[in-house]
Amino acid sequence: MQRKAVRMLYVLRALLAPFRSRSREWTAARRDATKSSASPFLIYVAVVLFLLLSILAVDLHRDELRALGLVGGAERINPVFMAP
């Protein structure tokens, strides 16, 4: 049983070898990319645009989302659960 597990580890290591070499290249590229920084204003604009587009997408597909149960309908809230 132990030999099968050891052989399986070698097989998995051989199968994952190409991905490990790529990850080394990616980490080297990422190290070089961290030397430059993005503008905080650019990040803010990107986040605002993403939120606007997501709101528009939900509004556009509201009927489909309601059919899936992901968006609430026009049900009334029980007064027991409302604050005084």
PDB file of N, CA and C in Angstrom:
ATOM      1  N   MET A   1       0.819  -1.192   0.000  1.00  0.00           N
ATOM      2  CA  MET A   1       0.000   0.000   0.000  1.00  0.00           C
ATOM      3  C   MET A   1       0.864   1.257   0.000  1.00  0.00           C
ATOM      4  N   GLN A   2       1.933   1.232   0.752  1.00  0.00           N
ATOM      5  CA  GLN A   2       2.823   2.385   0.849  1.00  0.00           C
ATOM      6  C   GLN A   2       3.499   2.665  -0.487  1.00  0.00           C
ATOM      7  N   ARG A   3       3.896   1.604  -1.207  1.00  0.00           N
ATOM      8  CA  ARG A   3       4.569   1.792  -2.502  1.00  0.00           C
ATOM      9  C   ARG A   3       3.638   2.441  -3.523  1.00  0.00           C
ATOM     10  N   LYS A   4       2.356   2.065  -3.492  1.00  0.00           N
ATOM     11  CA  LYS A   4       1.401   2.663  -4.429  1.00  0.00           C
ATOM     12  C   LYS A   4       1.283   4.166  -4.171  1.00  0.00           C
ATOM     13  N   ALA A   5       1.259   4.545  -2.921  1.00  0.00           N
ATOM     14  CA  ALA A   5       1.140   5.967  -2.590  1.00  0.00           C
ATOM     15  C   ALA A   5       2.375   6.728  -3.048  1.00  0.00           C
ATOM     16  N   VAL A   6       3.555   6.132  -2.889  1.00  0.00           N
ATOM     17  CA  VAL A   6       4.790   6.797  -3.303  1.00  0.00           C
ATOM     18  C   VAL A   6       4.833   6.929  -4.814  1.00  0.00           C
ATOM     19  N   ARG A   7       4.433   5.858  -5.517  1.00  0.00           N
ATOM     20  CA  ARG A   7       4.404   5.939  -6.981  1.00  0.00           C
ATOM     21  C   ARG A   7       3.415   6.998  -7.449  1.00  0.00           C
ATOM     22  N   MET A   8       2.273   7.066  -6.779  1.00  0.00           N
ATOM     23  CA  MET A   8       1.264   8.055  -7.158  1.00  0.00           C
ATOM     24  C   MET A   8       1.792   9.478  -6.948  1.00  0.00           C
ATOM     25  N   LEU A   9       2.554   9.694  -5.899  1.00  0.00           N
ATOM     26  CA  LEU A   9       3.131  11.020  -5.669  1.00  0.00           C
ATOM     27  C   LEU A   9       4.101  11.403  -6.784  1.00  0.00           C
ATOM     28  N   TYR A  10       4.905  10.442  -7.235  1.00  0.00           N
ATOM     29  CA  TYR A  10       5.830  10.723  -8.335  1.00  0.00           C
ATOM     30  C   TYR A  10       5.077  11.020  -9.629  1.00  0.00           C
ATOM     31  N   VAL A  11       3.985  10.292  -9.854  1.00  0.00           N
ATOM     32  CA  VAL A  11       3.185  10.536 -11.062  1.00  0.00           C
ATOM     33  C   VAL A  11       2.557  11.930 -10.999  1.00  0.00           C
ATOM     34  N   LEU A  12       2.005  12.279  -9.844  1.00  0.00           N
ATOM     35  CA  LEU A  12       1.407  13.612  -9.700  1.00  0.00           C
ATOM     36  C   LEU A  12       2.455  14.712  -9.848  1.00  0.00           C
ATOM     37  N   ARG A  13       3.624  14.484  -9.304  1.00  0.00           N
ATOM     38  CA  ARG A  13       4.697  15.472  -9.425  1.00  0.00           C
ATOM     39  C   ARG A  13       5.103  15.652 -10.885  1.00  0.00           C
ATOM     40  N   ALA A  14       5.176  14.555 -11.631  1.00  0.00           N
ATOM     41  CA  ALA A  14       5.528  14.638 -13.048  1.00  0.00           C
ATOM     42  C   ALA A  14       4.439  15.354 -13.843  1.00  0.00           C
ATOM     43  N   LEU A  15       3.176  15.124 -13.477  1.00  0.00           N
ATOM     44  CA  LEU A  15       2.089  15.786 -14.197  1.00  0.00           C
ATOM     45  C   LEU A  15       2.036  17.286 -13.909  1.00  0.00           C
ATOM     46  N   LEU A  16       2.402  17.674 -12.711  1.00  0.00           N
ATOM     47  CA  LEU A  16       2.332  19.082 -12.334  1.00  0.00           C
ATOM     48  C   LEU A  16       3.611  19.854 -12.632  1.00  0.00           C
ATOM     49  N   ALA A  17       4.642  19.209 -13.133  1.00  0.00           N
ATOM     50  CA  ALA A  17       5.922  19.872 -13.402  1.00  0.00           C
ATOM     51  C   ALA A  17       5.794  21.052 -14.378  1.00  0.00           C
ATOM     52  N   PRO A  18       5.044  20.917 -15.476  1.00  0.00           N
ATOM     53  CA  PRO A  18       4.932  22.080 -16.381  1.00  0.00           C
ATOM     54  C   PRO A  18       4.297  23.297 -15.715  1.00  0.00           C
ATOM     55  N   PHE A  19       3.344  23.066 -14.830  1.00  0.00           N
ATOM     56  CA  PHE A  19       2.692  24.190 -14.156  1.00  0.00           C
ATOM     57  C   PHE A  19       3.627  24.846 -13.146  1.00  0.00           C
ATOM     58  N   ARG A  20       4.485  24.060 -12.524  1.00  0.00           N
ATOM     59  CA  ARG A  20       5.422  24.625 -11.564  1.00  0.00           C
ATOM     60  C   ARG A  20       6.434  25.525 -12.253  1.00  0.00           C
ATOM     61  N   SER A  21       6.880  25.150 -13.447  1.00  0.00           N
ATOM     62  CA  SER A  21       7.848  25.999 -14.149  1.00  0.00           C
ATOM     63  C   SER A  21       7.188  27.309 -14.578  1.00  0.00           C
ATOM     64  N   ARG A  22       5.922  27.248 -14.959  1.00  0.00           N
ATOM     65  CA  ARG A  22       5.208  28.472 -15.328  1.00  0.00           C
ATOM     66  C   ARG A  22       5.019  29.378 -14.125  1.00  0.00           C
ATOM     67  N   SER A  23       4.747  28.779 -12.982  1.00  0.00           N
ATOM     68  CA  SER A  23       4.519  29.606 -11.805  1.00  0.00           C
ATOM     69  C   SER A  23       5.787  30.362 -11.419  1.00  0.00           C
ATOM     70  N   ARG A  24       6.948  29.773 -11.656  1.00  0.00           N
ATOM     71  CA  ARG A  24       8.194  30.487 -11.378  1.00  0.00           C
ATOM     72  C   ARG A  24       8.341  31.693 -12.298  1.00  0.00           C
ATOM     73  N   GLU A  25       7.970  31.519 -13.562  1.00  0.00           N
ATOM     74  CA  GLU A  25       8.027  32.648 -14.493  1.00  0.00           C
ATOM     75  C   GLU A  25       7.038  33.736 -14.081  1.00  0.00           C
ATOM     76  N   TRP A  26       5.857  33.319 -13.646  1.00  0.00           N
ATOM     77  CA  TRP A  26       4.847  34.289 -13.241  1.00  0.00           C
ATOM     78  C   TRP A  26       5.280  35.046 -12.005  1.00  0.00           C
ATOM     79  N   THR A  27       5.899  34.371 -11.052  1.00  0.00           N
ATOM     80  CA  THR A  27       6.325  35.092  -9.849  1.00  0.00           C
ATOM     81  C   THR A  27       7.439  36.072 -10.176  1.00  0.00           C
ATOM     82  N   ALA A  28       8.316  35.710 -11.124  1.00  0.00           N
ATOM     83  CA  ALA A  28       9.364  36.652 -11.529  1.00  0.00           C
ATOM     84  C   ALA A  28       8.747  37.866 -12.227  1.00  0.00           C
ATOM     85  N   ALA A  29       7.761  37.624 -13.073  1.00  0.00           N
ATOM     86  CA  ALA A  29       7.088  38.732 -13.756  1.00  0.00           C
ATOM     87  C   ALA A  29       6.307  39.580 -12.760  1.00  0.00           C
ATOM     88  N   ARG A  30       5.701  38.928 -11.770  1.00  0.00           N
ATOM     89  CA  ARG A  30       4.944  39.671 -10.769  1.00  0.00           C
ATOM     90  C   ARG A  30       5.875  40.535  -9.924  1.00  0.00           C
ATOM     91  N   ARG A  31       7.062  40.029  -9.626  1.00  0.00           N
ATOM     92  CA  ARG A  31       8.017  40.812  -8.861  1.00  0.00           C
ATOM     93  C   ARG A  31       8.397  42.087  -9.610  1.00  0.00           C
ATOM     94  N   ASP A  32       8.566  41.967 -10.929  1.00  0.00           N
ATOM     95  CA  ASP A  32       8.893  43.145 -11.730  1.00  0.00           C
ATOM     96  C   ASP A  32       7.705  44.101 -11.824  1.00  0.00           C
ATOM     97  N   ALA A  33       6.502  43.555 -11.830  1.00  0.00           N
ATOM     98  CA  ALA A  33       5.309  44.396 -11.974  1.00  0.00           C
ATOM     99  C   ALA A  33       5.014  45.184 -10.702  1.00  0.00           C
ATOM    100  N   THR A  34       5.480  44.710  -9.562  1.00  0.00           N
ATOM    101  CA  THR A  34       5.174  45.423  -8.321  1.00  0.00           C
ATOM    102  C   THR A  34       5.991  46.695  -8.168  1.00  0.00           C
ATOM    103  N   LYS A  35       6.979  46.885  -9.001  1.00  0.00           N
ATOM    104  CA  LYS A  35       7.775  48.106  -8.918  1.00  0.00           C
ATOM    105  C   LYS A  35       6.981  49.326  -9.354  1.00  0.00           C
ATOM    106  N   SER A  36       6.017  49.131 -10.233  1.00  0.00           N
ATOM    107  CA  SER A  36       5.168  50.241 -10.654  1.00  0.00           C
ATOM    108  C   SER A  36       3.850  50.142  -9.900  1.00  0.00           C
ATOM    109  N   SER A  37       3.262  51.278  -9.586  1.00  0.00           N
ATOM    110  CA  SER A  37       2.014  51.264  -8.830  1.00  0.00           C
ATOM    111  C   SER A  37       0.909  51.903  -9.664  1.00  0.00           C
ATOM    112  N   ALA A  38      -0.318  51.481  -9.390  1.00  0.00           N
ATOM    113  CA  ALA A  38      -1.470  52.047 -10.089  1.00  0.00           C
ATOM    114  C   ALA A  38      -1.946  53.286  -9.345  1.00  0.00           C
ATOM    115  N   SER A  39      -2.513  54.181 -10.073  1.00  0.00           N
ATOM    116  CA  SER A  39      -3.038  55.413  -9.487  1.00  0.00           C
ATOM    117  C   SER A  39      -4.266  55.089  -8.638  1.00  0.00           C
ATOM    118  N   PRO A  40      -4.380  55.656  -7.452  1.00  0.00           N
ATOM    119  CA  PRO A  40      -5.570  55.422  -6.635  1.00  0.00           C
ATOM    120  C   PRO A  40      -6.852  55.903  -7.326  1.00  0.00           C
ATOM    121  N   PHE A  41      -6.756  56.958  -8.078  1.00  0.00           N
ATOM    122  CA  PHE A  41      -7.918  57.455  -8.815  1.00  0.00           C
ATOM    123  C   PHE A  41      -8.362  56.443  -9.872  1.00  0.00           C
ATOM    124  N   LEU A  42      -7.413  55.809 -10.538  1.00  0.00           N
ATOM    125  CA  LEU A  42      -7.735  54.794 -11.544  1.00  0.00           C
ATOM    126  C   LEU A  42      -8.433  53.609 -10.897  1.00  0.00           C
ATOM    127  N   ILE A  43      -7.981  53.194  -9.741  1.00  0.00           N
ATOM    128  CA  ILE A  43      -8.621  52.087  -9.026  1.00  0.00           C
ATOM    129  C   ILE A  43     -10.033  52.473  -8.620  1.00  0.00           C
ATOM    130  N   TYR A  44     -10.208  53.704  -8.135  1.00  0.00           N
ATOM    131  CA  TYR A  44     -11.524  54.190  -7.743  1.00  0.00           C
ATOM    132  C   TYR A  44     -12.477  54.187  -8.932  1.00  0.00           C
ATOM    133  N   VAL A  45     -12.034  54.686 -10.076  1.00  0.00           N
ATOM    134  CA  VAL A  45     -12.872  54.724 -11.276  1.00  0.00           C
ATOM    135  C   VAL A  45     -13.241  53.313 -11.719  1.00  0.00           C
ATOM    136  N   ALA A  46     -12.295  52.388 -11.656  1.00  0.00           N
ATOM    137  CA  ALA A  46     -12.575  51.011 -12.057  1.00  0.00           C
ATOM    138  C   ALA A  46     -13.612  50.373 -11.142  1.00  0.00           C
ATOM    139  N   VAL A  47     -13.516  50.614  -9.846  1.00  0.00           N
ATOM    140  CA  VAL A  47     -14.481  50.045  -8.899  1.00  0.00           C
ATOM    141  C   VAL A  47     -15.863  50.643  -9.117  1.00  0.00           C
ATOM    142  N   VAL A  48     -15.939  51.947  -9.334  1.00  0.00           N
ATOM    143  CA  VAL A  48     -17.235  52.591  -9.567  1.00  0.00           C
ATOM    144  C   VAL A  48     -17.869  52.074 -10.854  1.00  0.00           C
ATOM    145  N   LEU A  49     -17.092  51.946 -11.905  1.00  0.00           N
ATOM    146  CA  LEU A  49     -17.638  51.409 -13.160  1.00  0.00           C
ATOM    147  C   LEU A  49     -18.114  49.977 -12.994  1.00  0.00           C
ATOM    148  N   PHE A  50     -17.354  49.175 -12.257  1.00  0.00           N
ATOM    149  CA  PHE A  50     -17.773  47.793 -12.017  1.00  0.00           C
ATOM    150  C   PHE A  50     -19.090  47.744 -11.265  1.00  0.00           C
ATOM    151  N   LEU A  51     -19.244  48.585 -10.242  1.00  0.00           N
ATOM    152  CA  LEU A  51     -20.498  48.602  -9.488  1.00  0.00           C
ATOM    153  C   LEU A  51     -21.671  49.064 -10.347  1.00  0.00           C
ATOM    154  N   LEU A  52     -21.456  50.083 -11.162  1.00  0.00           N
ATOM    155  CA  LEU A  52     -22.532  50.546 -12.047  1.00  0.00           C
ATOM    156  C   LEU A  52     -22.934  49.477 -13.047  1.00  0.00           C
ATOM    157  N   LEU A  53     -21.957  48.819 -13.636  1.00  0.00           N
ATOM    158  CA  LEU A  53     -22.277  47.768 -14.602  1.00  0.00           C
ATOM    159  C   LEU A  53     -22.969  46.585 -13.946  1.00  0.00           C
ATOM    160  N   SER A  54     -22.588  46.248 -12.724  1.00  0.00           N
ATOM    161  CA  SER A  54     -23.259  45.138 -12.048  1.00  0.00           C
ATOM    162  C   SER A  54     -24.696  45.505 -11.685  1.00  0.00           C
ATOM    163  N   ILE A  55     -24.938  46.753 -11.283  1.00  0.00           N
ATOM    164  CA  ILE A  55     -26.302  47.199 -10.999  1.00  0.00           C
ATOM    165  C   ILE A  55     -27.142  47.159 -12.269  1.00  0.00           C
ATOM    166  N   LEU A  56     -26.583  47.601 -13.377  1.00  0.00           N
ATOM    167  CA  LEU A  56     -27.319  47.564 -14.641  1.00  0.00           C
ATOM    168  C   LEU A  56     -27.601  46.142 -15.093  1.00  0.00           C
ATOM    169  N   ALA A  57     -26.655  45.232 -14.874  1.00  0.00           N
ATOM    170  CA  ALA A  57     -26.865  43.837 -15.265  1.00  0.00           C
ATOM    171  C   ALA A  57     -27.964  43.198 -14.428  1.00  0.00           C
ATOM    172  N   VAL A  58     -27.983  43.493 -13.135  1.00  0.00           N
ATOM    173  CA  VAL A  58     -29.038  42.948 -12.278  1.00  0.00           C
ATOM    174  C   VAL A  58     -30.376  43.535 -12.680  1.00  0.00           C
ATOM    175  N   ASP A  59     -30.420  44.815 -12.985  1.00  0.00           N
ATOM    176  CA  ASP A  59     -31.667  45.450 -13.404  1.00  0.00           C
ATOM    177  C   ASP A  59     -32.157  44.886 -14.733  1.00  0.00           C
ATOM    178  N   LEU A  60     -31.242  44.618 -15.628  1.00  0.00           N
ATOM    179  CA  LEU A  60     -31.615  44.086 -16.939  1.00  0.00           C
ATOM    180  C   LEU A  60     -32.161  42.669 -16.851  1.00  0.00           C
ATOM    181  N   HIS A  61     -31.609  41.874 -15.960  1.00  0.00           N
ATOM    182  CA  HIS A  61     -31.994  40.463 -15.858  1.00  0.00           C
ATOM    183  C   HIS A  61     -32.801  40.179 -14.591  1.00  0.00           C
ATOM    184  N   ARG A  62     -33.538  41.154 -14.113  1.00  0.00           N
ATOM    185  CA  ARG A  62     -34.275  40.997 -12.858  1.00  0.00           C
ATOM    186  C   ARG A  62     -35.301  39.876 -12.913  1.00  0.00           C
ATOM    187  N   ASP A  63     -36.006  39.729 -14.027  1.00  0.00           N
ATOM    188  CA  ASP A  63     -37.029  38.685 -14.125  1.00  0.00           C
ATOM    189  C   ASP A  63     -36.411  37.294 -14.033  1.00  0.00           C
ATOM    190  N   GLU A  64     -35.291  37.092 -14.727  1.00  0.00           N
ATOM    191  CA  GLU A  64     -34.633  35.789 -14.666  1.00  0.00           C
ATOM    192  C   GLU A  64     -34.097  35.507 -13.263  1.00  0.00           C
ATOM    193  N   LEU A  65     -33.546  36.540 -12.616  1.00  0.00           N
ATOM    194  CA  LEU A  65     -33.026  36.360 -11.265  1.00  0.00           C
ATOM    195  C   LEU A  65     -34.156  36.106 -10.266  1.00  0.00           C
ATOM    196  N   ARG A  66     -35.303  36.737 -10.476  1.00  0.00           N
ATOM    197  CA  ARG A  66     -36.451  36.498  -9.599  1.00  0.00           C
ATOM    198  C   ARG A  66     -36.960  35.074  -9.783  1.00  0.00           C
ATOM    199  N   ALA A  67     -36.933  34.571 -11.024  1.00  0.00           N
ATOM    200  CA  ALA A  67     -37.374  33.199 -11.269  1.00  0.00           C
ATOM    201  C   ALA A  67     -36.444  32.196 -10.586  1.00  0.00           C
ATOM    202  N   LEU A  68     -35.173  32.533 -10.480  1.00  0.00           N
ATOM    203  CA  LEU A  68     -34.223  31.651  -9.798  1.00  0.00           C
ATOM    204  C   LEU A  68     -34.247  31.833  -8.283  1.00  0.00           C
ATOM    205  N   GLY A  69     -34.914  32.867  -7.813  1.00  0.00           N
ATOM    206  CA  GLY A  69     -35.003  33.116  -6.384  1.00  0.00           C
ATOM    207  C   GLY A  69     -33.844  33.916  -5.831  1.00  0.00           C
ATOM    208  N   LEU A  70     -33.066  34.562  -6.698  1.00  0.00           N
ATOM    209  CA  LEU A  70     -31.917  35.332  -6.242  1.00  0.00           C
ATOM    210  C   LEU A  70     -32.247  36.783  -5.927  1.00  0.00           C
ATOM    211  N   VAL A  71     -33.371  37.281  -6.428  1.00  0.00           N
ATOM    212  CA  VAL A  71     -33.787  38.659  -6.161  1.00  0.00           C
ATOM    213  C   VAL A  71     -35.157  38.598  -5.513  1.00  0.00           C
ATOM    214  N   GLY A  72     -35.321  39.363  -4.447  1.00  0.00           N
ATOM    215  CA  GLY A  72     -36.601  39.373  -3.745  1.00  0.00           C
ATOM    216  C   GLY A  72     -37.695  39.985  -4.581  1.00  0.00           C
ATOM    217  N   GLY A  73     -38.897  39.563  -4.313  1.00  0.00           N
ATOM    218  CA  GLY A  73     -40.040  40.069  -5.049  1.00  0.00           C
ATOM    219  C   GLY A  73     -40.697  41.229  -4.338  1.00  0.00           C
ATOM    220  N   ALA A  74     -41.982  41.389  -4.547  1.00  0.00           N
ATOM    221  CA  ALA A  74     -42.728  42.502  -3.969  1.00  0.00           C
ATOM    222  C   ALA A  74     -43.472  42.051  -2.714  1.00  0.00           C
ATOM    223  N   GLU A  75     -42.962  41.053  -1.996  1.00  0.00           N
ATOM    224  CA  GLU A  75     -43.626  40.579  -0.793  1.00  0.00           C
ATOM    225  C   GLU A  75     -43.542  41.639   0.295  1.00  0.00           C
ATOM    226  N   ARG A  76     -44.578  41.739   1.072  1.00  0.00           N
ATOM    227  CA  ARG A  76     -44.610  42.694   2.164  1.00  0.00           C
ATOM    228  C   ARG A  76     -43.836  42.131   3.353  1.00  0.00           C
ATOM    229  N   ILE A  77     -43.242  43.020   4.151  1.00  0.00           N
ATOM    230  CA  ILE A  77     -42.521  42.618   5.355  1.00  0.00           C
ATOM    231  C   ILE A  77     -43.528  42.520   6.493  1.00  0.00           C
ATOM    232  N   ASN A  78     -43.421  41.453   7.244  1.00  0.00           N
ATOM    233  CA  ASN A  78     -44.314  41.262   8.378  1.00  0.00           C
ATOM    234  C   ASN A  78     -44.036  42.365   9.402  1.00  0.00           C
ATOM    235  N   PRO A  79     -45.071  43.069   9.888  1.00  0.00           N
ATOM    236  CA  PRO A  79     -44.857  44.179  10.834  1.00  0.00           C
ATOM    237  C   PRO A  79     -44.195  43.748  12.141  1.00  0.00           C
ATOM    238  N   VAL A  80     -44.254  42.471  12.479  1.00  0.00           N
ATOM    239  CA  VAL A  80     -43.631  41.996  13.707  1.00  0.00           C
ATOM    240  C   VAL A  80     -42.117  42.207  13.650  1.00  0.00           C
ATOM    241  N   PHE A  81     -41.558  42.088  12.451  1.00  0.00           N
ATOM    242  CA  PHE A  81     -40.114  42.187  12.288  1.00  0.00           C
ATOM    243  C   PHE A  81     -39.628  43.620  12.071  1.00  0.00           C
ATOM    244  N   MET A  82     -40.535  44.585  12.051  1.00  0.00           N
ATOM    245  CA  MET A  82     -40.157  45.973  11.835  1.00  0.00           C
ATOM    246  C   MET A  82     -39.890  46.658  13.171  1.00  0.00           C
ATOM    247  N   ALA A  83     -39.002  47.618  13.155  1.00  0.00           N
ATOM    248  CA  ALA A  83     -38.664  48.346  14.383  1.00  0.00           C
ATOM    249  C   ALA A  83     -39.811  49.273  14.777  1.00  0.00           C
ATOM    250  N   PRO A  84     -39.910  49.627  16.074  1.00  0.00           N
ATOM    251  CA  PRO A  84     -41.012  50.508  16.510  1.00  0.00           C
ATOM    252  C   PRO A  84     -40.858  51.918  15.996  1.00  0.00           C
TER     253      PRO A  84
END
